[in-house]
Amino acid sequence: MKNTNKPVEIRWHGRGGQGAKTACLLLADAAFSSGKYVQGFPEYGPERMGAPITAYNRISDERCPVHSNIYEPDYVVVVDETLLGAVDVTKGLSQDGAIIVNTSKTPEEVRPLLGGYNGKVCTIDARRISEETLGKNFPNTPMLAAAVKVSGVVEAEKFVSDMEASFHHKFAHKPQVITGNMAALTKSMKEVQVG
């Protein structure tokens, strides 16, 4: 059982324009709505569309005095599978945690690409889900749902209801966006594969 005084730490890897930073901040909002202490922040570098980016979450039941990047995450979320060959996504990742990869491959097919990581490997076809529910490749909403499902950092039903309220607030004049995002969330939570 995890030490509840230790924050759950999540590192996100994506490419500029894919919404990894947005998903990170949405997770922070959802955890805050659940009464948690949160941090959600990107690591800025030479930001450009398609460049690798990193973002971080710390989520805790108590105030967290640490304000650095995350070097030993409990969970890693990879929004773009092409980063598996470009970035050491498992660096520092807890063997007791999990990596969640946006891919059409199974966890067993992804494992050999992870440089000997022996922890839990999870996959979700966020591209297909977002194209089916949103009409375009917006992988951040499915990846956010998969991160919540795998980490359990926020209770699933509360997360879904909080996200629906958030989407109603943000997209009040675009009901089709609300419907699509909610479908993406619920479908992703059902379809994430754990290996």
N, C-alpha and C. Protein backbone atom coordinates (compact mmCIF):
# COMPACT_ATOMS: atom_id res chain seq x y z
N MET A 1 0.84 -1.20 0.00
CA MET A 1 0.00 0.00 0.00
C MET A 1 0.87 1.25 0.00
N LYS A 2 0.49 2.22 -0.81
CA LYS A 2 1.25 3.46 -0.90
C LYS A 2 1.18 4.27 0.38
N ASN A 3 2.27 4.94 0.67
CA ASN A 3 2.30 5.90 1.77
C ASN A 3 1.42 7.09 1.35
N THR A 4 0.31 7.31 2.05
CA THR A 4 -0.61 8.38 1.64
C THR A 4 -0.04 9.77 1.88
N ASN A 5 1.03 9.87 2.67
CA ASN A 5 1.66 11.18 2.86
C ASN A 5 2.56 11.55 1.69
N LYS A 6 2.94 10.57 0.88
CA LYS A 6 3.80 10.84 -0.27
C LYS A 6 2.90 11.21 -1.46
N PRO A 7 3.22 12.30 -2.12
CA PRO A 7 2.40 12.66 -3.29
C PRO A 7 2.51 11.61 -4.40
N VAL A 8 1.46 11.47 -5.18
CA VAL A 8 1.52 10.68 -6.39
C VAL A 8 2.12 11.61 -7.45
N GLU A 9 3.17 11.14 -8.11
CA GLU A 9 3.86 11.97 -9.09
C GLU A 9 3.70 11.38 -10.48
N ILE A 10 3.31 12.23 -11.42
CA ILE A 10 3.04 11.80 -12.80
C ILE A 10 3.83 12.69 -13.75
N ARG A 11 4.51 12.04 -14.69
CA ARG A 11 5.24 12.79 -15.72
C ARG A 11 4.59 12.52 -17.07
N TRP A 12 4.34 13.58 -17.81
CA TRP A 12 3.72 13.50 -19.13
C TRP A 12 4.77 13.77 -20.20
N HIS A 13 4.77 12.96 -21.26
CA HIS A 13 5.62 13.19 -22.42
C HIS A 13 4.71 13.32 -23.64
N GLY A 14 4.91 14.38 -24.39
CA GLY A 14 4.14 14.57 -25.61
C GLY A 14 4.92 15.43 -26.58
N ARG A 15 4.24 15.88 -27.60
CA ARG A 15 4.83 16.81 -28.55
C ARG A 15 3.98 18.08 -28.54
N GLY A 16 4.63 19.21 -28.79
CA GLY A 16 3.92 20.48 -28.80
C GLY A 16 2.69 20.42 -29.69
N GLY A 17 1.56 20.84 -29.18
CA GLY A 17 0.32 20.85 -29.95
C GLY A 17 -0.58 19.65 -29.74
N GLN A 18 -0.12 18.65 -28.97
CA GLN A 18 -0.93 17.44 -28.75
C GLN A 18 -1.78 17.53 -27.48
N GLY A 19 -1.57 18.54 -26.68
CA GLY A 19 -2.40 18.73 -25.50
C GLY A 19 -1.91 18.06 -24.23
N ALA A 20 -0.64 17.65 -24.17
CA ALA A 20 -0.12 17.02 -22.95
C ALA A 20 -0.17 18.02 -21.78
N LYS A 21 0.21 19.26 -22.04
CA LYS A 21 0.18 20.28 -20.99
C LYS A 21 -1.26 20.50 -20.53
N THR A 22 -2.19 20.59 -21.47
CA THR A 22 -3.60 20.79 -21.12
C THR A 22 -4.13 19.63 -20.29
N ALA A 23 -3.81 18.39 -20.68
CA ALA A 23 -4.26 17.22 -19.93
C ALA A 23 -3.68 17.25 -18.52
N CYS A 24 -2.42 17.62 -18.39
CA CYS A 24 -1.77 17.73 -17.08
C CYS A 24 -2.53 18.73 -16.20
N LEU A 25 -2.87 19.88 -16.76
CA LEU A 25 -3.58 20.91 -15.98
C LEU A 25 -5.02 20.49 -15.67
N LEU A 26 -5.66 19.78 -16.59
CA LEU A 26 -7.01 19.27 -16.32
C LEU A 26 -6.99 18.24 -15.19
N LEU A 27 -5.96 17.40 -15.16
CA LEU A 27 -5.83 16.43 -14.06
C LEU A 27 -5.66 17.16 -12.74
N ALA A 28 -4.86 18.22 -12.74
CA ALA A 28 -4.68 19.01 -11.52
C ALA A 28 -6.02 19.61 -11.07
N ASP A 29 -6.81 20.14 -12.01
CA ASP A 29 -8.13 20.69 -11.68
C ASP A 29 -9.05 19.63 -11.09
N ALA A 30 -9.05 18.45 -11.71
CA ALA A 30 -9.93 17.36 -11.25
C ALA A 30 -9.52 16.91 -9.85
N ALA A 31 -8.22 16.78 -9.60
CA ALA A 31 -7.75 16.36 -8.28
C ALA A 31 -8.07 17.43 -7.24
N PHE A 32 -7.92 18.69 -7.61
CA PHE A 32 -8.24 19.79 -6.69
C PHE A 32 -9.73 19.76 -6.33
N SER A 33 -10.57 19.49 -7.33
CA SER A 33 -12.02 19.40 -7.08
C SER A 33 -12.35 18.25 -6.14
N SER A 34 -11.47 17.25 -6.08
CA SER A 34 -11.67 16.11 -5.18
C SER A 34 -11.07 16.35 -3.80
N GLY A 35 -10.61 17.57 -3.55
CA GLY A 35 -10.09 17.92 -2.23
C GLY A 35 -8.61 17.62 -2.03
N LYS A 36 -7.88 17.38 -3.12
CA LYS A 36 -6.46 17.08 -3.03
C LYS A 36 -5.63 18.37 -3.15
N TYR A 37 -4.41 18.28 -2.67
CA TYR A 37 -3.42 19.31 -2.95
C TYR A 37 -2.78 18.94 -4.27
N VAL A 38 -2.57 19.92 -5.14
CA VAL A 38 -2.10 19.59 -6.49
C VAL A 38 -1.01 20.54 -6.97
N GLN A 39 -0.23 20.00 -7.88
CA GLN A 39 0.67 20.80 -8.71
C GLN A 39 0.52 20.26 -10.13
N GLY A 40 0.48 21.15 -11.08
CA GLY A 40 0.45 20.76 -12.49
C GLY A 40 1.21 21.82 -13.26
N PHE A 41 2.31 21.41 -13.91
CA PHE A 41 3.14 22.41 -14.57
C PHE A 41 3.94 21.78 -15.71
N PRO A 42 4.15 22.55 -16.77
CA PRO A 42 4.99 22.07 -17.88
C PRO A 42 6.44 22.44 -17.64
N GLU A 43 7.32 21.75 -18.34
CA GLU A 43 8.73 22.13 -18.37
C GLU A 43 8.94 22.83 -19.71
N TYR A 44 9.27 24.08 -19.64
CA TYR A 44 9.40 24.84 -20.88
C TYR A 44 10.80 24.77 -21.43
N GLY A 45 10.87 24.61 -22.72
CA GLY A 45 12.12 24.64 -23.46
C GLY A 45 11.86 25.41 -24.73
N PRO A 46 12.55 25.08 -25.80
CA PRO A 46 12.29 25.76 -27.08
C PRO A 46 10.98 25.23 -27.67
N GLU A 47 9.88 25.77 -27.19
CA GLU A 47 8.56 25.25 -27.57
C GLU A 47 8.24 25.54 -29.03
N ARG A 48 7.89 24.50 -29.75
CA ARG A 48 7.38 24.66 -31.10
C ARG A 48 6.49 23.45 -31.40
N MET A 49 5.62 23.62 -32.35
CA MET A 49 4.72 22.54 -32.72
C MET A 49 5.52 21.29 -33.08
N GLY A 50 5.21 20.16 -32.45
CA GLY A 50 5.87 18.91 -32.75
C GLY A 50 7.11 18.61 -31.93
N ALA A 51 7.63 19.60 -31.19
CA ALA A 51 8.82 19.36 -30.37
C ALA A 51 8.44 18.59 -29.11
N PRO A 52 9.32 17.72 -28.61
CA PRO A 52 9.02 17.00 -27.37
C PRO A 52 8.82 17.96 -26.20
N ILE A 53 7.78 17.72 -25.41
CA ILE A 53 7.53 18.52 -24.21
C ILE A 53 7.30 17.58 -23.03
N THR A 54 7.50 18.12 -21.84
CA THR A 54 7.28 17.36 -20.62
C THR A 54 6.41 18.20 -19.69
N ALA A 55 5.51 17.54 -18.99
CA ALA A 55 4.67 18.21 -17.99
C ALA A 55 4.58 17.30 -16.77
N TYR A 56 4.20 17.87 -15.64
CA TYR A 56 4.25 17.14 -14.38
C TYR A 56 3.02 17.40 -13.53
N ASN A 57 2.63 16.36 -12.76
CA ASN A 57 1.60 16.49 -11.72
C ASN A 57 2.13 15.93 -10.41
N ARG A 58 1.84 16.63 -9.33
CA ARG A 58 1.98 16.09 -7.98
C ARG A 58 0.60 16.20 -7.35
N ILE A 59 0.13 15.09 -6.78
CA ILE A 59 -1.21 15.08 -6.19
C ILE A 59 -1.10 14.41 -4.83
N SER A 60 -1.61 15.10 -3.79
CA SER A 60 -1.40 14.64 -2.43
C SER A 60 -2.58 14.98 -1.54
N ASP A 61 -2.69 14.23 -0.44
CA ASP A 61 -3.70 14.54 0.57
C ASP A 61 -3.23 15.65 1.51
N GLU A 62 -1.95 15.97 1.46
CA GLU A 62 -1.37 17.01 2.32
C GLU A 62 -0.61 18.00 1.46
N ARG A 63 -0.40 19.19 1.98
CA ARG A 63 0.36 20.20 1.27
C ARG A 63 1.76 19.66 0.96
N CYS A 64 2.24 19.90 -0.25
CA CYS A 64 3.54 19.39 -0.69
C CYS A 64 4.52 20.54 -0.82
N PRO A 65 5.61 20.51 -0.05
CA PRO A 65 6.57 21.62 -0.08
C PRO A 65 7.57 21.53 -1.25
N VAL A 66 7.58 20.41 -1.98
CA VAL A 66 8.53 20.24 -3.08
C VAL A 66 7.98 20.91 -4.34
N HIS A 67 8.82 21.71 -4.99
CA HIS A 67 8.39 22.41 -6.21
C HIS A 67 9.42 22.26 -7.32
N SER A 68 9.90 21.04 -7.53
CA SER A 68 10.88 20.80 -8.58
C SER A 68 10.24 19.93 -9.66
N ASN A 69 10.98 19.72 -10.74
CA ASN A 69 10.54 18.74 -11.73
C ASN A 69 10.46 17.38 -11.04
N ILE A 70 9.86 16.41 -11.70
CA ILE A 70 9.70 15.07 -11.13
C ILE A 70 10.71 14.14 -11.79
N TYR A 71 11.57 13.56 -10.96
CA TYR A 71 12.64 12.71 -11.47
C TYR A 71 12.39 11.22 -11.24
N GLU A 72 11.51 10.89 -10.29
CA GLU A 72 11.17 9.50 -9.99
C GLU A 72 9.65 9.36 -9.94
N PRO A 73 9.00 9.44 -11.11
CA PRO A 73 7.53 9.43 -11.12
C PRO A 73 6.95 8.06 -10.78
N ASP A 74 5.73 8.11 -10.27
CA ASP A 74 4.96 6.89 -10.05
C ASP A 74 4.34 6.42 -11.35
N TYR A 75 3.98 7.38 -12.20
CA TYR A 75 3.33 7.08 -13.48
C TYR A 75 3.92 7.97 -14.56
N VAL A 76 4.01 7.42 -15.76
CA VAL A 76 4.43 8.19 -16.92
C VAL A 76 3.34 8.02 -17.99
N VAL A 77 2.95 9.14 -18.60
CA VAL A 77 1.95 9.13 -19.66
C VAL A 77 2.65 9.59 -20.94
N VAL A 78 2.62 8.74 -21.97
CA VAL A 78 3.27 9.05 -23.25
C VAL A 78 2.17 9.30 -24.28
N VAL A 79 2.00 10.57 -24.66
CA VAL A 79 0.92 10.97 -25.56
C VAL A 79 1.24 10.64 -27.01
N ASP A 80 2.52 10.50 -27.34
CA ASP A 80 2.94 10.22 -28.72
C ASP A 80 3.94 9.06 -28.69
N GLU A 81 3.56 7.91 -29.25
CA GLU A 81 4.42 6.73 -29.16
C GLU A 81 5.74 6.89 -29.89
N THR A 82 5.87 7.86 -30.82
CA THR A 82 7.16 8.06 -31.49
C THR A 82 8.22 8.55 -30.50
N LEU A 83 7.81 9.03 -29.35
CA LEU A 83 8.77 9.47 -28.34
C LEU A 83 9.48 8.29 -27.68
N LEU A 84 8.92 7.09 -27.79
CA LEU A 84 9.55 5.92 -27.17
C LEU A 84 10.97 5.71 -27.68
N GLY A 85 11.23 6.06 -28.93
CA GLY A 85 12.57 5.91 -29.47
C GLY A 85 13.41 7.18 -29.38
N ALA A 86 12.79 8.29 -28.96
CA ALA A 86 13.48 9.58 -28.95
C ALA A 86 13.82 10.09 -27.55
N VAL A 87 13.05 9.67 -26.54
CA VAL A 87 13.19 10.16 -25.18
C VAL A 87 13.21 8.97 -24.24
N ASP A 88 14.00 9.03 -23.18
CA ASP A 88 14.02 7.95 -22.18
C ASP A 88 12.81 8.13 -21.26
N VAL A 89 11.65 7.68 -21.74
CA VAL A 89 10.40 7.93 -21.03
C VAL A 89 10.30 7.17 -19.70
N THR A 90 11.06 6.09 -19.55
CA THR A 90 10.99 5.31 -18.30
C THR A 90 12.03 5.75 -17.28
N LYS A 91 12.82 6.76 -17.60
CA LYS A 91 13.87 7.21 -16.68
C LYS A 91 13.27 7.55 -15.31
N GLY A 92 13.76 6.86 -14.29
CA GLY A 92 13.33 7.11 -12.92
C GLY A 92 11.97 6.54 -12.56
N LEU A 93 11.28 5.94 -13.52
CA LEU A 93 9.90 5.46 -13.28
C LEU A 93 9.89 4.30 -12.30
N SER A 94 9.04 4.42 -11.28
CA SER A 94 8.90 3.40 -10.25
C SER A 94 8.45 2.08 -10.86
N GLN A 95 9.10 0.99 -10.45
CA GLN A 95 8.70 -0.35 -10.90
C GLN A 95 7.32 -0.71 -10.33
N ASP A 96 6.90 0.00 -9.27
CA ASP A 96 5.58 -0.22 -8.67
C ASP A 96 4.50 0.60 -9.35
N GLY A 97 4.90 1.48 -10.25
CA GLY A 97 3.95 2.35 -10.93
C GLY A 97 3.53 1.77 -12.26
N ALA A 98 3.40 2.65 -13.26
CA ALA A 98 2.98 2.20 -14.59
C ALA A 98 3.33 3.25 -15.62
N ILE A 99 3.48 2.78 -16.86
CA ILE A 99 3.60 3.67 -18.00
C ILE A 99 2.35 3.47 -18.85
N ILE A 100 1.81 4.56 -19.36
CA ILE A 100 0.60 4.54 -20.17
C ILE A 100 0.96 5.14 -21.52
N VAL A 101 0.82 4.37 -22.59
CA VAL A 101 1.26 4.79 -23.91
C VAL A 101 0.09 4.87 -24.87
N ASN A 102 0.03 5.96 -25.63
CA ASN A 102 -0.95 6.14 -26.70
C ASN A 102 -0.45 5.34 -27.91
N THR A 103 -1.08 4.21 -28.16
CA THR A 103 -0.69 3.34 -29.26
C THR A 103 -1.81 2.37 -29.57
N SER A 104 -1.78 1.84 -30.79
CA SER A 104 -2.73 0.78 -31.14
C SER A 104 -2.17 -0.58 -30.76
N LYS A 105 -0.93 -0.62 -30.27
CA LYS A 105 -0.28 -1.87 -29.88
C LYS A 105 -0.78 -2.33 -28.51
N THR A 106 -0.57 -3.61 -28.23
CA THR A 106 -0.89 -4.16 -26.91
C THR A 106 0.25 -3.84 -25.94
N PRO A 107 0.00 -3.94 -24.63
CA PRO A 107 1.10 -3.76 -23.67
C PRO A 107 2.28 -4.69 -23.94
N GLU A 108 1.99 -5.92 -24.34
CA GLU A 108 3.05 -6.89 -24.63
C GLU A 108 3.90 -6.46 -25.82
N GLU A 109 3.29 -5.81 -26.81
CA GLU A 109 4.03 -5.33 -27.98
C GLU A 109 4.88 -4.11 -27.65
N VAL A 110 4.44 -3.31 -26.68
CA VAL A 110 5.16 -2.08 -26.30
C VAL A 110 6.32 -2.37 -25.36
N ARG A 111 6.17 -3.35 -24.49
CA ARG A 111 7.18 -3.62 -23.46
C ARG A 111 8.62 -3.68 -23.99
N PRO A 112 8.89 -4.37 -25.13
CA PRO A 112 10.27 -4.43 -25.62
C PRO A 112 10.86 -3.06 -26.01
N LEU A 113 10.01 -2.06 -26.19
CA LEU A 113 10.46 -0.72 -26.59
C LEU A 113 10.82 0.14 -25.38
N LEU A 114 10.72 -0.42 -24.16
CA LEU A 114 10.84 0.38 -22.94
C LEU A 114 12.15 0.18 -22.19
N GLY A 115 13.17 -0.31 -22.87
CA GLY A 115 14.50 -0.38 -22.28
C GLY A 115 14.61 -1.18 -21.01
N GLY A 116 13.87 -2.28 -20.90
CA GLY A 116 13.97 -3.15 -19.74
C GLY A 116 13.08 -2.78 -18.57
N TYR A 117 12.17 -1.82 -18.75
CA TYR A 117 11.24 -1.47 -17.67
C TYR A 117 10.37 -2.68 -17.33
N ASN A 118 10.31 -3.04 -16.04
CA ASN A 118 9.59 -4.24 -15.61
C ASN A 118 8.26 -3.97 -14.92
N GLY A 119 7.89 -2.70 -14.80
CA GLY A 119 6.62 -2.37 -14.14
C GLY A 119 5.43 -2.58 -15.06
N LYS A 120 4.30 -2.07 -14.65
CA LYS A 120 3.06 -2.22 -15.40
C LYS A 120 3.11 -1.38 -16.67
N VAL A 121 2.71 -1.97 -17.78
CA VAL A 121 2.63 -1.28 -19.06
C VAL A 121 1.17 -1.24 -19.50
N CYS A 122 0.69 -0.04 -19.78
CA CYS A 122 -0.71 0.15 -20.18
C CYS A 122 -0.74 0.84 -21.53
N THR A 123 -1.70 0.46 -22.36
CA THR A 123 -1.84 1.10 -23.66
C THR A 123 -3.29 1.53 -23.88
N ILE A 124 -3.43 2.56 -24.69
CA ILE A 124 -4.74 3.07 -25.07
C ILE A 124 -4.61 3.66 -26.47
N ASP A 125 -5.54 3.35 -27.35
CA ASP A 125 -5.50 3.90 -28.71
C ASP A 125 -6.24 5.24 -28.70
N ALA A 126 -5.56 6.25 -28.17
CA ALA A 126 -6.17 7.57 -28.00
C ALA A 126 -6.50 8.22 -29.35
N ARG A 127 -5.68 7.94 -30.34
CA ARG A 127 -5.95 8.51 -31.67
C ARG A 127 -7.30 8.01 -32.20
N ARG A 128 -7.49 6.68 -32.19
CA ARG A 128 -8.74 6.11 -32.69
C ARG A 128 -9.93 6.62 -31.88
N ILE A 129 -9.80 6.61 -30.56
CA ILE A 129 -10.91 7.05 -29.71
C ILE A 129 -11.25 8.51 -29.98
N SER A 130 -10.25 9.38 -30.09
CA SER A 130 -10.55 10.79 -30.31
C SER A 130 -11.13 11.02 -31.71
N GLU A 131 -10.65 10.27 -32.69
CA GLU A 131 -11.23 10.42 -34.03
C GLU A 131 -12.67 9.95 -34.07
N GLU A 132 -12.97 8.87 -33.33
CA GLU A 132 -14.36 8.37 -33.28
C GLU A 132 -15.29 9.30 -32.51
N THR A 133 -14.81 9.90 -31.44
CA THR A 133 -15.69 10.70 -30.57
C THR A 133 -15.64 12.19 -30.83
N LEU A 134 -14.48 12.68 -31.33
CA LEU A 134 -14.30 14.12 -31.53
C LEU A 134 -14.13 14.50 -33.00
N GLY A 135 -13.95 13.49 -33.85
CA GLY A 135 -13.81 13.76 -35.28
C GLY A 135 -12.40 14.17 -35.70
N LYS A 136 -11.47 14.30 -34.75
CA LYS A 136 -10.09 14.67 -35.04
C LYS A 136 -9.18 13.99 -34.04
N ASN A 137 -7.88 14.03 -34.33
CA ASN A 137 -6.90 13.44 -33.42
C ASN A 137 -6.55 14.43 -32.32
N PHE A 138 -7.30 14.34 -31.21
CA PHE A 138 -7.02 15.11 -29.99
C PHE A 138 -6.74 14.09 -28.89
N PRO A 139 -5.52 13.61 -28.76
CA PRO A 139 -5.25 12.49 -27.85
C PRO A 139 -5.27 12.85 -26.36
N ASN A 140 -5.29 14.13 -26.04
CA ASN A 140 -5.14 14.49 -24.61
C ASN A 140 -6.33 14.05 -23.75
N THR A 141 -7.55 14.15 -24.24
CA THR A 141 -8.71 13.74 -23.43
C THR A 141 -8.68 12.24 -23.14
N PRO A 142 -8.46 11.37 -24.15
CA PRO A 142 -8.36 9.94 -23.83
C PRO A 142 -7.18 9.62 -22.91
N MET A 143 -6.05 10.30 -23.10
CA MET A 143 -4.88 10.03 -22.25
C MET A 143 -5.13 10.46 -20.82
N LEU A 144 -5.83 11.57 -20.63
CA LEU A 144 -6.20 12.02 -19.29
C LEU A 144 -7.05 10.96 -18.60
N ALA A 145 -8.06 10.45 -19.30
CA ALA A 145 -8.93 9.42 -18.72
C ALA A 145 -8.14 8.16 -18.38
N ALA A 146 -7.24 7.75 -19.27
CA ALA A 146 -6.43 6.56 -19.02
C ALA A 146 -5.54 6.76 -17.79
N ALA A 147 -4.98 7.97 -17.64
CA ALA A 147 -4.12 8.26 -16.48
C ALA A 147 -4.90 8.15 -15.18
N VAL A 148 -6.13 8.66 -15.18
CA VAL A 148 -6.97 8.58 -13.98
C VAL A 148 -7.33 7.12 -13.68
N LYS A 149 -7.71 6.38 -14.71
CA LYS A 149 -8.10 4.98 -14.53
C LYS A 149 -6.95 4.15 -13.97
N VAL A 150 -5.75 4.30 -14.55
CA VAL A 150 -4.60 3.48 -14.15
C VAL A 150 -4.07 3.90 -12.78
N SER A 151 -3.97 5.20 -12.54
CA SER A 151 -3.36 5.68 -11.29
C SER A 151 -4.32 5.63 -10.11
N GLY A 152 -5.63 5.77 -10.37
CA GLY A 152 -6.60 5.82 -9.29
C GLY A 152 -6.44 7.05 -8.40
N VAL A 153 -5.75 8.05 -8.91
CA VAL A 153 -5.44 9.24 -8.11
C VAL A 153 -6.69 10.07 -7.81
N VAL A 154 -7.71 9.91 -8.64
CA VAL A 154 -9.01 10.55 -8.43
C VAL A 154 -10.05 9.46 -8.62
N GLU A 155 -11.07 9.46 -7.80
CA GLU A 155 -12.15 8.47 -7.90
C GLU A 155 -12.84 8.66 -9.25
N ALA A 156 -13.01 7.57 -10.01
CA ALA A 156 -13.44 7.62 -11.41
C ALA A 156 -14.78 8.34 -11.61
N GLU A 157 -15.79 8.01 -10.82
CA GLU A 157 -17.11 8.63 -11.02
C GLU A 157 -17.06 10.13 -10.75
N LYS A 158 -16.35 10.52 -9.70
CA LYS A 158 -16.21 11.96 -9.38
C LYS A 158 -15.45 12.66 -10.50
N PHE A 159 -14.41 12.02 -11.01
CA PHE A 159 -13.64 12.59 -12.11
C PHE A 159 -14.54 12.86 -13.31
N VAL A 160 -15.35 11.88 -13.70
CA VAL A 160 -16.22 12.03 -14.86
C VAL A 160 -17.22 13.17 -14.64
N SER A 161 -17.82 13.24 -13.46
CA SER A 161 -18.80 14.31 -13.21
C SER A 161 -18.13 15.68 -13.14
N ASP A 162 -16.92 15.75 -12.55
CA ASP A 162 -16.20 17.03 -12.49
C ASP A 162 -15.78 17.48 -13.89
N MET A 163 -15.36 16.54 -14.73
CA MET A 163 -14.95 16.91 -16.09
C MET A 163 -16.15 17.37 -16.90
N GLU A 164 -17.31 16.73 -16.68
CA GLU A 164 -18.51 17.17 -17.40
C GLU A 164 -18.86 18.60 -17.02
N ALA A 165 -18.78 18.92 -15.74
CA ALA A 165 -19.05 20.29 -15.29
C ALA A 165 -18.04 21.26 -15.89
N SER A 166 -16.77 20.86 -15.92
CA SER A 166 -15.72 21.70 -16.50
C SER A 166 -15.97 21.95 -17.99
N PHE A 167 -16.31 20.89 -18.72
CA PHE A 167 -16.57 21.03 -20.15
C PHE A 167 -17.80 21.92 -20.40
N HIS A 168 -18.84 21.79 -19.56
CA HIS A 168 -20.04 22.63 -19.71
C HIS A 168 -19.67 24.10 -19.51
N HIS A 169 -18.75 24.35 -18.59
CA HIS A 169 -18.32 25.73 -18.33
C HIS A 169 -17.49 26.26 -19.51
N LYS A 170 -16.54 25.45 -19.98
CA LYS A 170 -15.61 25.91 -21.03
C LYS A 170 -16.25 25.96 -22.41
N PHE A 171 -17.16 25.02 -22.68
CA PHE A 171 -17.72 24.91 -24.03
C PHE A 171 -19.23 25.10 -24.04
N ALA A 172 -19.71 26.05 -23.25
CA ALA A 172 -21.16 26.28 -23.11
C ALA A 172 -21.85 26.49 -24.46
N HIS A 173 -21.17 27.12 -25.40
CA HIS A 173 -21.78 27.41 -26.69
C HIS A 173 -21.44 26.37 -27.76
N LYS A 174 -20.80 25.26 -27.34
CA LYS A 174 -20.44 24.19 -28.28
C LYS A 174 -20.81 22.84 -27.68
N PRO A 175 -22.12 22.53 -27.59
CA PRO A 175 -22.54 21.29 -26.94
C PRO A 175 -21.96 20.03 -27.58
N GLN A 176 -21.68 20.06 -28.90
CA GLN A 176 -21.11 18.88 -29.56
C GLN A 176 -19.71 18.59 -29.03
N VAL A 177 -18.97 19.62 -28.61
CA VAL A 177 -17.64 19.43 -28.04
C VAL A 177 -17.75 18.74 -26.67
N ILE A 178 -18.76 19.14 -25.90
CA ILE A 178 -18.99 18.52 -24.58
C ILE A 178 -19.31 17.04 -24.76
N THR A 179 -20.24 16.74 -25.65
CA THR A 179 -20.65 15.36 -25.91
C THR A 179 -19.47 14.51 -26.36
N GLY A 180 -18.69 15.04 -27.29
CA GLY A 180 -17.53 14.31 -27.82
C GLY A 180 -16.47 14.05 -26.76
N ASN A 181 -16.16 15.06 -25.96
CA ASN A 181 -15.16 14.89 -24.91
C ASN A 181 -15.62 13.91 -23.84
N MET A 182 -16.89 13.95 -23.48
CA MET A 182 -17.39 13.00 -22.48
C MET A 182 -17.36 11.58 -23.03
N ALA A 183 -17.70 11.42 -24.30
CA ALA A 183 -17.63 10.09 -24.92
C ALA A 183 -16.18 9.60 -24.94
N ALA A 184 -15.24 10.50 -25.24
CA ALA A 184 -13.82 10.12 -25.26
C ALA A 184 -13.36 9.69 -23.87
N LEU A 185 -13.78 10.41 -22.84
CA LEU A 185 -13.39 10.06 -21.47
C LEU A 185 -13.90 8.69 -21.08
N THR A 186 -15.18 8.47 -21.25
CA THR A 186 -15.78 7.21 -20.78
C THR A 186 -15.28 6.02 -21.60
N LYS A 187 -15.13 6.19 -22.91
CA LYS A 187 -14.63 5.12 -23.77
C LYS A 187 -13.19 4.75 -23.38
N SER A 188 -12.37 5.76 -23.11
CA SER A 188 -10.98 5.52 -22.73
C SER A 188 -10.86 4.78 -21.41
N MET A 189 -11.68 5.13 -20.46
CA MET A 189 -11.62 4.48 -19.16
C MET A 189 -11.97 3.00 -19.27
N LYS A 190 -12.82 2.66 -20.25
CA LYS A 190 -13.19 1.27 -20.47
C LYS A 190 -12.15 0.50 -21.27
N GLU A 191 -11.48 1.20 -22.20
CA GLU A 191 -10.64 0.51 -23.18
C GLU A 191 -9.16 0.46 -22.83
N VAL A 192 -8.70 1.18 -21.81
CA VAL A 192 -7.28 1.13 -21.50
C VAL A 192 -6.88 -0.31 -21.17
N GLN A 193 -5.79 -0.78 -21.77
CA GLN A 193 -5.30 -2.13 -21.57
C GLN A 193 -4.16 -2.13 -20.55
N VAL A 194 -4.22 -3.04 -19.61
CA VAL A 194 -3.18 -3.13 -18.59
C VAL A 194 -2.44 -4.45 -18.77
N GLY A 195 -1.10 -4.35 -18.89
CA GLY A 195 -0.31 -5.56 -19.08
C GLY A 195 0.79 -5.70 -18.05
